[in-house]
Amino acid sequence: MISKFKYFTKISFVQDVSVLGIGNSFSIFLGAISSIILARLLHPELYGIYGLVFAFVGLVGIFMNWGGNSASLTLLAEAYAQKNKEEIKNILTYFIQITILAICIIGILSVIFAPFLTELFYHNSQIGHWARIILLASFITFIYNLLIIVLQITRKIKQLTILEIFNKLVYILLSIIFVLLGFGLNGIIWGYFISVFIFLILSFFLYLYFSKKDNLLPSLDQIFFNFRKIRFKKYFNFGFSIAIGKNLNSLISFLPIIFLGAFASVQEVGYFKIALGYITIPSMLLGPVSRLLAVQLPKSKSYNLKILKEHFYKTTLYSGLISILLVVPFIILAPYLIKLFYGAEYLPGIELVYYLAILTVFSGFSIGIGPFFRTFDKMKIIIITNICYVVLMVLLMSISVRIYNSLIAIILSMIICATIFLLLHFFIIMRVLKNTEKNN
């Protein structure tokens, strides 16, 4: 047993998960502390508006995501393993190119029309003015995102973990300091903008450093001068199908806030945000597993199907069981912890925790679904199922808000949809594996 455990701990994938897990745990701790402090300083109403600002930015982000990140990560993992220097340069060029193109087309329009759209959705144009600043900040994150991708595919997991923690720490500290100085919600918005600008400069120098150390990585000059030489359509066709699936998935996560913004008070949005943030902490702890599966499953497939099946099913089972073990204490302690940390103002959020806990358990068992379909290039399946998911959720929410309290109606809609589509995805995965075995 001891020898098996030692062998298990020496597996590079397990080591990487452990490092990311430690970093992710620290990042979650920072996020929890930040959430507690900001919730107490802003109170339910402003905290709800804060949630609506970032929900709107997230909604815009869906239309700006054309698959550059996911496609680059998937393709780079294979190109780097093959030591294909030219292909690595082409993929990184595509990532920068598609990001800039999305900013020029969707990003600029979203900045112009943000106040009008938030007035239409939330009856509050000021949310749009705040969202403009966050959107402008998001436009200059492309060098940081490029660096994150490079650190992942080169398996520099320790450096990746330190960088992401430092990034979050700077944003949190700036936001809290500005709020304490009396800037309120403006302090959080400008804290985000300044932190992004700091990491734009830092990422530029870090990428220069790593590209000089690794001869497979192109310089930034080589990337920008390569713009007209790549086969844009080749990468776009692959990446856009991934983007549609991921964007629909993101839309599913934003729909509850969008509906609450339209049908509930901003205080209720605040209660929902606190409850969801609290009970999803266990699923955040499993985040590194999903990230590394995006790289590991394509590698496993390149060996043989048996290894891939073993990696996928074991990861799914262990992640699901761990999510159950983690969520139980969070449910039991919810009445005490929410009152202790967030204050009596947020007590209405405790009831919501019990319902939302079901979603956290489901997220543990579904952690490898996205990487699996990307590995088998079956994104059309994910796109179709996610479209059905969005349609069903919108229908259920639209009907249930007329029957039940808006908070309970939206959460029940989320649970029903999550149950149906978790079972459906696993049924499809088994069919894909069975058909692949027959063809081999």
Protein backbone atom coordinates (compact mmCIF):
# COMPACT_ATOMS: atom_id res chain seq x y z
CA MET A 1 0.00 0.00 0.00
CA ILE A 2 2.81 2.42 0.95
CA SER A 3 4.76 1.59 -2.21
CA LYS A 4 1.64 2.22 -4.33
CA PHE A 5 1.12 5.57 -2.64
CA LYS A 6 4.76 6.54 -3.26
CA TYR A 7 4.39 5.55 -6.92
CA PHE A 8 1.15 7.56 -7.12
CA THR A 9 2.82 10.68 -5.69
CA LYS A 10 5.66 10.44 -8.20
CA ILE A 11 3.35 10.66 -11.21
CA SER A 12 3.96 14.06 -12.85
CA PHE A 13 0.23 14.70 -13.37
CA VAL A 14 -0.45 14.08 -9.66
CA GLN A 15 2.44 16.34 -8.66
CA ASP A 16 1.15 19.12 -10.92
CA VAL A 17 -2.36 18.74 -9.52
CA SER A 18 -0.94 18.95 -5.99
CA VAL A 19 0.99 22.16 -6.72
CA LEU A 20 -1.99 23.77 -8.45
CA GLY A 21 -4.23 22.49 -5.65
CA ILE A 22 -2.13 24.20 -2.99
CA GLY A 23 -2.06 27.40 -5.00
CA ASN A 24 -5.75 27.18 -5.74
CA SER A 25 -6.53 26.64 -2.04
CA PHE A 26 -4.57 29.77 -1.17
CA SER A 27 -6.31 31.66 -3.98
CA ILE A 28 -9.72 30.52 -2.68
CA PHE A 29 -8.70 31.64 0.81
CA LEU A 30 -7.79 35.09 -0.55
CA GLY A 31 -11.07 35.23 -2.48
CA ALA A 32 -13.07 34.28 0.62
CA ILE A 33 -11.36 36.93 2.74
CA SER A 34 -11.94 39.50 0.00
CA SER A 35 -15.60 38.48 -0.32
CA ILE A 36 -16.15 38.78 3.43
CA ILE A 37 -14.51 42.20 3.70
CA LEU A 38 -16.20 43.65 0.61
CA ALA A 39 -19.62 42.22 1.53
CA ARG A 40 -19.41 43.85 4.96
CA LEU A 41 -18.14 47.16 3.59
CA LEU A 42 -20.61 47.40 0.69
CA HIS A 43 -23.70 45.86 2.40
CA PRO A 44 -26.26 43.75 0.44
CA GLU A 45 -27.47 46.46 -1.97
CA LEU A 46 -24.07 47.64 -3.25
CA TYR A 47 -22.73 44.08 -3.13
CA GLY A 48 -25.60 43.03 -5.38
CA ILE A 49 -24.79 45.85 -7.82
CA TYR A 50 -21.14 44.74 -7.74
CA GLY A 51 -22.32 41.28 -8.78
CA LEU A 52 -24.41 42.71 -11.63
CA VAL A 53 -21.45 44.74 -12.96
CA PHE A 54 -19.24 41.68 -13.26
CA ALA A 55 -22.13 39.56 -14.57
CA PHE A 56 -22.59 42.04 -17.42
CA VAL A 57 -18.85 42.02 -18.15
CA GLY A 58 -18.96 38.23 -18.14
CA LEU A 59 -21.87 38.30 -20.59
CA VAL A 60 -19.86 40.52 -22.95
CA GLY A 61 -16.90 38.19 -22.48
CA ILE A 62 -18.98 35.34 -23.90
CA PHE A 63 -19.31 37.19 -27.22
CA MET A 64 -15.59 38.08 -27.19
CA ASN A 65 -14.44 34.51 -26.66
CA TRP A 66 -13.85 33.04 -30.10
CA GLY A 67 -11.92 30.02 -28.86
CA GLY A 68 -8.39 31.41 -28.92
CA ASN A 69 -7.52 30.33 -25.39
CA SER A 70 -8.91 26.80 -25.46
CA ALA A 71 -7.75 26.05 -29.01
CA SER A 72 -4.25 27.35 -28.30
CA LEU A 73 -3.92 25.31 -25.11
CA THR A 74 -5.13 22.08 -26.76
CA LEU A 75 -3.02 22.48 -29.91
CA LEU A 76 0.08 23.77 -28.12
CA ALA A 77 0.17 20.75 -25.79
CA GLU A 78 0.56 18.50 -28.83
CA ALA A 79 2.95 20.82 -30.71
CA TYR A 80 5.20 21.28 -27.69
CA ALA A 81 5.33 17.52 -27.04
CA GLN A 82 6.43 17.08 -30.67
CA LYS A 83 8.98 19.95 -30.32
CA ASN A 84 7.45 21.60 -33.40
CA LYS A 85 8.86 25.13 -33.08
CA GLU A 86 7.17 26.54 -36.18
CA GLU A 87 3.73 25.25 -35.16
CA ILE A 88 4.18 26.66 -31.65
CA LYS A 89 4.91 30.09 -33.14
CA ASN A 90 1.88 29.85 -35.44
CA ILE A 91 -0.49 28.87 -32.61
CA LEU A 92 0.72 31.67 -30.33
CA THR A 93 0.38 34.11 -33.24
CA TYR A 94 -3.18 32.93 -33.77
CA PHE A 95 -3.97 33.45 -30.07
CA ILE A 96 -2.83 37.11 -30.17
CA GLN A 97 -4.49 37.69 -33.54
CA ILE A 98 -7.91 36.31 -32.56
CA THR A 99 -7.83 38.19 -29.24
CA ILE A 100 -7.11 41.55 -30.89
CA LEU A 101 -9.76 40.89 -33.55
CA ALA A 102 -12.42 40.19 -30.89
CA ILE A 103 -11.48 43.39 -29.05
CA CYS A 104 -11.74 45.50 -32.22
CA ILE A 105 -15.13 44.09 -33.23
CA ILE A 106 -17.07 43.18 -30.07
CA GLY A 107 -15.04 44.91 -27.36
CA ILE A 108 -15.30 48.44 -28.73
CA LEU A 109 -19.04 48.10 -29.40
CA SER A 110 -19.63 46.79 -25.87
CA VAL A 111 -17.84 49.80 -24.34
CA ILE A 112 -19.94 52.21 -26.42
CA PHE A 113 -23.31 50.58 -25.67
CA ALA A 114 -22.71 49.33 -22.09
CA PRO A 115 -24.83 52.00 -20.30
CA PHE A 116 -27.70 51.55 -22.76
CA LEU A 117 -27.66 47.75 -22.35
CA THR A 118 -27.54 47.82 -18.53
CA GLU A 119 -30.41 50.28 -18.50
CA LEU A 120 -32.31 47.80 -20.68
CA PHE A 121 -31.43 44.72 -18.55
CA TYR A 122 -31.21 46.13 -15.02
CA HIS A 123 -32.83 49.59 -15.29
CA ASN A 124 -29.52 51.12 -14.14
CA SER A 125 -27.18 52.80 -16.66
CA GLN A 126 -24.52 53.43 -13.98
CA ILE A 127 -23.77 49.68 -14.00
CA GLY A 128 -22.77 50.13 -17.65
CA HIS A 129 -20.41 53.00 -16.84
CA TRP A 130 -18.63 50.84 -14.24
CA ALA A 131 -18.60 47.90 -16.66
CA ARG A 132 -16.83 50.07 -19.26
CA ILE A 133 -13.76 50.36 -17.04
CA ILE A 134 -13.64 46.60 -16.41
CA LEU A 135 -14.03 45.92 -20.14
CA LEU A 136 -11.19 48.30 -21.01
CA ALA A 137 -9.01 46.53 -18.45
CA SER A 138 -9.88 43.13 -19.95
CA PHE A 139 -8.63 44.31 -23.35
CA ILE A 140 -5.05 44.57 -22.08
CA THR A 141 -4.89 41.13 -20.44
CA PHE A 142 -3.83 39.33 -23.65
CA ILE A 143 -0.08 39.27 -22.79
CA TYR A 144 -0.88 37.92 -19.32
CA ASN A 145 -3.17 35.27 -20.84
CA LEU A 146 -0.46 34.35 -23.36
CA LEU A 147 2.00 33.85 -20.51
CA ILE A 148 -0.49 31.67 -18.60
CA ILE A 149 -0.92 29.39 -21.62
CA VAL A 150 2.84 29.10 -22.12
CA LEU A 151 3.42 28.23 -18.45
CA GLN A 152 0.76 25.52 -18.67
CA ILE A 153 2.04 23.80 -21.79
CA THR A 154 5.67 23.96 -20.62
CA ARG A 155 4.52 22.44 -17.29
CA LYS A 156 5.99 25.29 -15.23
CA ILE A 157 3.25 24.74 -12.71
CA LYS A 158 5.01 26.30 -9.71
CA GLN A 159 5.66 29.54 -11.59
CA LEU A 160 2.09 29.51 -12.91
CA THR A 161 0.69 29.07 -9.42
CA ILE A 162 2.82 31.88 -7.93
CA LEU A 163 1.90 34.26 -10.75
CA GLU A 164 -1.85 33.63 -10.44
CA ILE A 165 -1.80 34.00 -6.66
CA PHE A 166 0.21 37.22 -6.89
CA ASN A 167 -2.23 38.56 -9.50
CA LYS A 168 -5.23 37.88 -7.30
CA LEU A 169 -3.50 39.25 -4.21
CA VAL A 170 -2.68 42.57 -5.88
CA TYR A 171 -6.26 43.00 -7.15
CA ILE A 172 -7.77 42.14 -3.76
CA LEU A 173 -5.44 44.43 -1.81
CA LEU A 174 -6.00 47.37 -4.14
CA SER A 175 -9.78 46.93 -4.07
CA ILE A 176 -9.98 46.67 -0.28
CA ILE A 177 -7.63 49.63 0.22
CA PHE A 178 -9.65 51.84 -2.13
CA VAL A 179 -12.96 50.83 -0.50
CA LEU A 180 -11.53 51.52 2.98
CA LEU A 181 -10.40 54.93 1.72
CA GLY A 182 -14.04 55.69 0.96
CA PHE A 183 -14.20 55.13 -2.80
CA GLY A 184 -16.90 52.46 -2.48
CA LEU A 185 -17.71 50.47 -5.61
CA ASN A 186 -15.53 52.84 -7.66
CA GLY A 187 -12.59 51.63 -5.59
CA ILE A 188 -13.16 48.00 -6.61
CA ILE A 189 -13.50 48.93 -10.29
CA TRP A 190 -10.34 51.04 -10.41
CA GLY A 191 -8.48 48.54 -8.22
CA TYR A 192 -9.15 45.95 -10.91
CA PHE A 193 -7.99 48.26 -13.70
CA ILE A 194 -4.72 49.19 -11.96
CA SER A 195 -3.92 45.57 -11.10
CA VAL A 196 -4.45 44.53 -14.74
CA PHE A 197 -2.12 47.31 -15.92
CA ILE A 198 0.57 46.21 -13.45
CA PHE A 199 0.39 42.63 -14.73
CA LEU A 200 0.46 43.76 -18.35
CA ILE A 201 3.95 45.16 -17.74
CA LEU A 202 5.05 42.24 -15.54
CA SER A 203 3.81 39.63 -18.05
CA PHE A 204 5.70 41.34 -20.87
CA PHE A 205 9.04 40.98 -19.07
CA LEU A 206 8.28 37.47 -17.79
CA TYR A 207 7.47 36.24 -21.28
CA LEU A 208 10.74 37.72 -22.57
CA TYR A 209 12.57 35.84 -19.83
CA PHE A 210 10.93 32.46 -20.49
CA SER A 211 11.21 32.75 -24.29
CA LYS A 212 14.98 33.26 -23.96
CA LYS A 213 15.27 30.21 -21.70
CA ASP A 214 13.25 27.90 -23.99
CA ASN A 215 14.31 27.77 -27.65
CA LEU A 216 10.91 26.32 -28.65
CA LEU A 217 9.16 29.55 -27.68
CA PRO A 218 9.10 32.46 -30.14
CA SER A 219 9.85 36.03 -29.08
CA LEU A 220 7.03 38.58 -29.04
CA ASP A 221 8.56 40.19 -32.15
CA GLN A 222 8.43 36.88 -34.00
CA ILE A 223 4.78 36.44 -32.99
CA PHE A 224 3.67 39.88 -34.22
CA PHE A 225 5.67 39.70 -37.47
CA ASN A 226 4.06 36.30 -38.14
CA PHE A 227 0.51 37.71 -38.37
CA ARG A 228 0.19 37.41 -42.17
CA LYS A 229 1.89 34.03 -42.44
CA ILE A 230 -0.43 31.75 -40.47
CA ARG A 231 -3.39 29.77 -41.78
CA PHE A 232 -5.99 31.64 -39.73
CA LYS A 233 -8.94 29.55 -40.92
CA LYS A 234 -7.29 26.28 -39.86
CA TYR A 235 -7.08 27.34 -36.20
CA PHE A 236 -10.29 29.36 -36.23
CA ASN A 237 -12.44 26.43 -37.36
CA PHE A 238 -11.08 24.28 -34.55
CA GLY A 239 -11.18 26.99 -31.88
CA PHE A 240 -14.57 28.48 -32.71
CA SER A 241 -16.36 25.16 -32.19
CA ILE A 242 -14.71 24.95 -28.75
CA ALA A 243 -15.68 28.57 -28.07
CA ILE A 244 -19.36 28.01 -28.85
CA GLY A 245 -19.49 25.13 -26.37
CA LYS A 246 -17.62 27.02 -23.66
CA ASN A 247 -19.58 30.23 -24.26
CA LEU A 248 -22.86 28.40 -23.92
CA ASN A 249 -21.52 26.92 -20.70
CA SER A 250 -20.61 30.41 -19.48
CA LEU A 251 -24.04 31.70 -20.47
CA ILE A 252 -25.57 28.95 -18.34
CA SER A 253 -23.60 30.22 -15.34
CA PHE A 254 -24.59 33.86 -15.96
CA LEU A 255 -28.30 33.27 -16.64
CA PRO A 256 -29.29 33.11 -12.93
CA ILE A 257 -27.73 36.52 -12.23
CA ILE A 258 -29.23 37.99 -15.40
CA PHE A 259 -32.72 36.77 -14.43
CA LEU A 260 -32.27 37.93 -10.82
CA GLY A 261 -31.21 41.36 -12.06
CA ALA A 262 -34.46 41.54 -14.04
CA PHE A 263 -36.90 39.97 -11.53
CA ALA A 264 -35.38 40.40 -8.05
CA SER A 265 -34.05 43.24 -5.92
CA VAL A 266 -30.32 44.03 -5.80
CA GLN A 267 -30.32 42.82 -2.16
CA GLU A 268 -31.53 39.40 -3.31
CA VAL A 269 -28.75 39.37 -5.91
CA GLY A 270 -26.36 39.99 -3.02
CA TYR A 271 -27.80 37.07 -1.00
CA PHE A 272 -27.52 34.76 -4.03
CA LYS A 273 -23.94 35.86 -4.73
CA ILE A 274 -22.89 35.17 -1.12
CA ALA A 275 -24.63 31.76 -1.00
CA LEU A 276 -23.24 30.66 -4.37
CA GLY A 277 -19.73 31.91 -3.57
CA TYR A 278 -19.79 30.10 -0.22
CA ILE A 279 -21.03 26.70 -1.36
CA THR A 280 -18.93 26.56 -4.55
CA ILE A 281 -15.66 26.78 -2.61
CA PRO A 282 -15.36 22.95 -2.64
CA SER A 283 -15.72 22.86 -6.44
CA MET A 284 -13.08 25.58 -6.76
CA LEU A 285 -10.65 23.31 -4.91
CA LEU A 286 -11.03 20.83 -7.78
CA GLY A 287 -10.39 23.48 -10.45
CA PRO A 288 -6.75 22.43 -11.06
CA VAL A 289 -7.89 18.92 -12.04
CA SER A 290 -10.00 20.25 -14.91
CA ARG A 291 -7.23 22.54 -16.12
CA LEU A 292 -4.66 19.76 -16.20
CA LEU A 293 -7.07 17.30 -17.82
CA ALA A 294 -7.22 19.69 -20.79
CA VAL A 295 -3.54 18.87 -21.33
CA GLN A 296 -3.45 15.30 -19.93
CA LEU A 297 -6.34 13.69 -21.85
CA PRO A 298 -4.91 14.50 -25.32
CA LYS A 299 -1.63 12.94 -24.13
CA SER A 300 -3.42 9.86 -22.78
CA LYS A 301 -5.26 9.46 -26.08
CA SER A 302 -1.96 9.55 -27.97
CA TYR A 303 -0.85 6.46 -25.97
CA ASN A 304 -4.01 4.37 -26.29
CA LEU A 305 -7.75 4.41 -25.55
CA LYS A 306 -7.45 2.15 -22.50
CA ILE A 307 -5.17 4.61 -20.70
CA LEU A 308 -7.49 7.52 -21.55
CA LYS A 309 -10.56 5.65 -20.22
CA GLU A 310 -8.72 4.80 -17.02
CA HIS A 311 -7.58 8.39 -16.47
CA PHE A 312 -11.02 9.83 -17.24
CA TYR A 313 -13.13 7.46 -15.12
CA LYS A 314 -10.78 7.50 -12.13
CA THR A 315 -10.55 11.30 -12.17
CA THR A 316 -14.35 11.60 -12.48
CA LEU A 317 -15.02 9.19 -9.60
CA TYR A 318 -12.41 10.61 -7.23
CA SER A 319 -13.40 14.22 -7.99
CA GLY A 320 -17.08 13.43 -7.37
CA LEU A 321 -16.40 11.68 -4.07
CA ILE A 322 -14.08 14.46 -2.92
CA SER A 323 -16.74 17.08 -3.75
CA ILE A 324 -19.26 15.19 -1.57
CA LEU A 325 -16.80 14.97 1.34
CA LEU A 326 -15.97 18.66 1.04
CA VAL A 327 -19.52 19.97 0.68
CA VAL A 328 -20.96 18.24 3.80
CA PRO A 329 -19.11 20.39 6.39
CA PHE A 330 -19.94 23.51 4.39
CA ILE A 331 -23.66 22.65 4.62
CA ILE A 332 -23.52 21.91 8.35
CA LEU A 333 -21.56 25.06 9.21
CA ALA A 334 -23.43 27.43 6.87
CA PRO A 335 -25.71 29.04 9.53
CA TYR A 336 -22.73 29.78 11.75
CA LEU A 337 -20.11 30.77 9.19
CA ILE A 338 -22.30 33.09 7.09
CA LYS A 339 -23.49 34.94 10.18
CA LEU A 340 -19.99 35.06 11.68
CA PHE A 341 -18.13 36.23 8.57
CA TYR A 342 -20.68 38.12 6.48
CA GLY A 343 -22.97 39.41 9.23
CA ALA A 344 -26.65 39.21 10.07
CA GLU A 345 -27.53 41.22 6.93
CA TYR A 346 -26.83 38.13 4.80
CA LEU A 347 -28.76 35.54 6.85
CA PRO A 348 -31.44 35.15 4.09
CA GLY A 349 -28.69 33.55 1.99
CA ILE A 350 -28.36 30.52 4.32
CA GLU A 351 -31.47 28.79 2.96
CA LEU A 352 -30.10 29.13 -0.57
CA VAL A 353 -26.91 27.27 0.40
CA TYR A 354 -28.84 24.02 1.01
CA TYR A 355 -30.27 24.01 -2.52
CA LEU A 356 -27.07 25.13 -4.24
CA ALA A 357 -25.04 22.38 -2.53
CA ILE A 358 -26.52 19.86 -5.00
CA LEU A 359 -24.90 21.77 -7.86
CA THR A 360 -21.51 21.66 -6.15
CA VAL A 361 -21.67 17.86 -5.88
CA PHE A 362 -22.65 17.59 -9.56
CA SER A 363 -19.71 19.81 -10.57
CA GLY A 364 -17.29 17.31 -9.01
CA PHE A 365 -18.60 14.45 -11.16
CA SER A 366 -18.67 16.58 -14.32
CA ILE A 367 -15.11 17.91 -14.03
CA GLY A 368 -13.73 15.97 -17.00
CA ILE A 369 -16.66 16.32 -19.41
CA GLY A 370 -15.37 19.40 -21.25
CA PRO A 371 -11.78 18.13 -21.67
CA PHE A 372 -13.14 14.74 -22.82
CA PHE A 373 -15.21 16.15 -25.68
CA ARG A 374 -12.38 18.49 -26.74
CA THR A 375 -9.95 15.56 -26.81
CA PHE A 376 -12.24 13.55 -29.12
CA ASP A 377 -13.09 16.63 -31.20
CA LYS A 378 -16.78 16.15 -30.41
CA MET A 379 -17.56 19.79 -29.68
CA LYS A 380 -20.69 19.66 -31.83
CA ILE A 381 -22.22 17.37 -29.21
CA ILE A 382 -21.43 19.82 -26.42
CA ILE A 383 -22.79 22.71 -28.50
CA ILE A 384 -26.09 20.94 -29.16
CA THR A 385 -26.55 19.81 -25.53
CA ASN A 386 -25.64 23.26 -24.19
CA ILE A 387 -28.11 24.95 -26.54
CA CYS A 388 -30.78 22.61 -25.22
CA TYR A 389 -29.57 23.38 -21.67
CA VAL A 390 -29.91 27.15 -22.21
CA VAL A 391 -33.36 26.83 -23.81
CA LEU A 392 -34.64 24.59 -21.02
CA MET A 393 -33.21 26.83 -18.30
CA VAL A 394 -34.72 29.98 -19.81
CA LEU A 395 -38.11 28.27 -20.12
CA LEU A 396 -38.02 26.92 -16.56
CA MET A 397 -36.92 30.27 -15.11
CA SER A 398 -39.48 32.23 -17.10
CA ILE A 399 -42.29 29.96 -15.89
CA SER A 400 -41.16 29.35 -12.30
CA VAL A 401 -40.56 33.04 -11.42
CA ARG A 402 -44.29 33.56 -11.98
CA ILE A 403 -45.14 30.79 -9.52
CA TYR A 404 -42.45 30.87 -6.78
CA ASN A 405 -40.22 33.39 -5.05
CA SER A 406 -37.67 34.55 -7.66
CA LEU A 407 -34.64 33.17 -5.77
CA ILE A 408 -36.11 29.72 -5.17
CA ALA A 409 -37.54 29.57 -8.70
CA ILE A 410 -34.18 30.22 -10.31
CA ILE A 411 -32.26 27.78 -8.08
CA LEU A 412 -34.80 24.98 -8.69
CA SER A 413 -34.47 25.59 -12.43
CA MET A 414 -30.68 25.28 -12.10
CA ILE A 415 -30.93 21.97 -10.21
CA ILE A 416 -33.41 20.38 -12.64
CA CYS A 417 -31.27 21.30 -15.67
CA ALA A 418 -28.01 20.18 -14.00
CA THR A 419 -29.47 16.76 -13.14
CA ILE A 420 -30.85 16.07 -16.61
CA PHE A 421 -27.73 17.09 -18.51
CA LEU A 422 -25.19 15.45 -16.21
CA LEU A 423 -26.86 12.09 -16.89
CA LEU A 424 -27.15 12.88 -20.60
CA HIS A 425 -23.45 13.79 -20.94
CA PHE A 426 -22.29 10.54 -19.31
CA PHE A 427 -24.59 8.52 -21.56
CA ILE A 428 -23.06 10.24 -24.61
CA ILE A 429 -19.49 9.72 -23.31
CA MET A 430 -20.08 5.98 -22.96
CA ARG A 431 -21.43 5.87 -26.52
CA VAL A 432 -18.39 7.77 -27.86
CA LEU A 433 -15.97 5.39 -26.13
CA LYS A 434 -17.88 2.34 -27.33
CA ASN A 435 -17.89 3.58 -30.96
CA THR A 436 -14.20 4.48 -30.80
CA GLU A 437 -13.33 0.99 -29.56
CA LYS A 438 -15.29 -0.56 -32.44
CA ASN A 439 -13.51 1.63 -35.02
CA ASN A 440 -10.12 0.71 -33.59
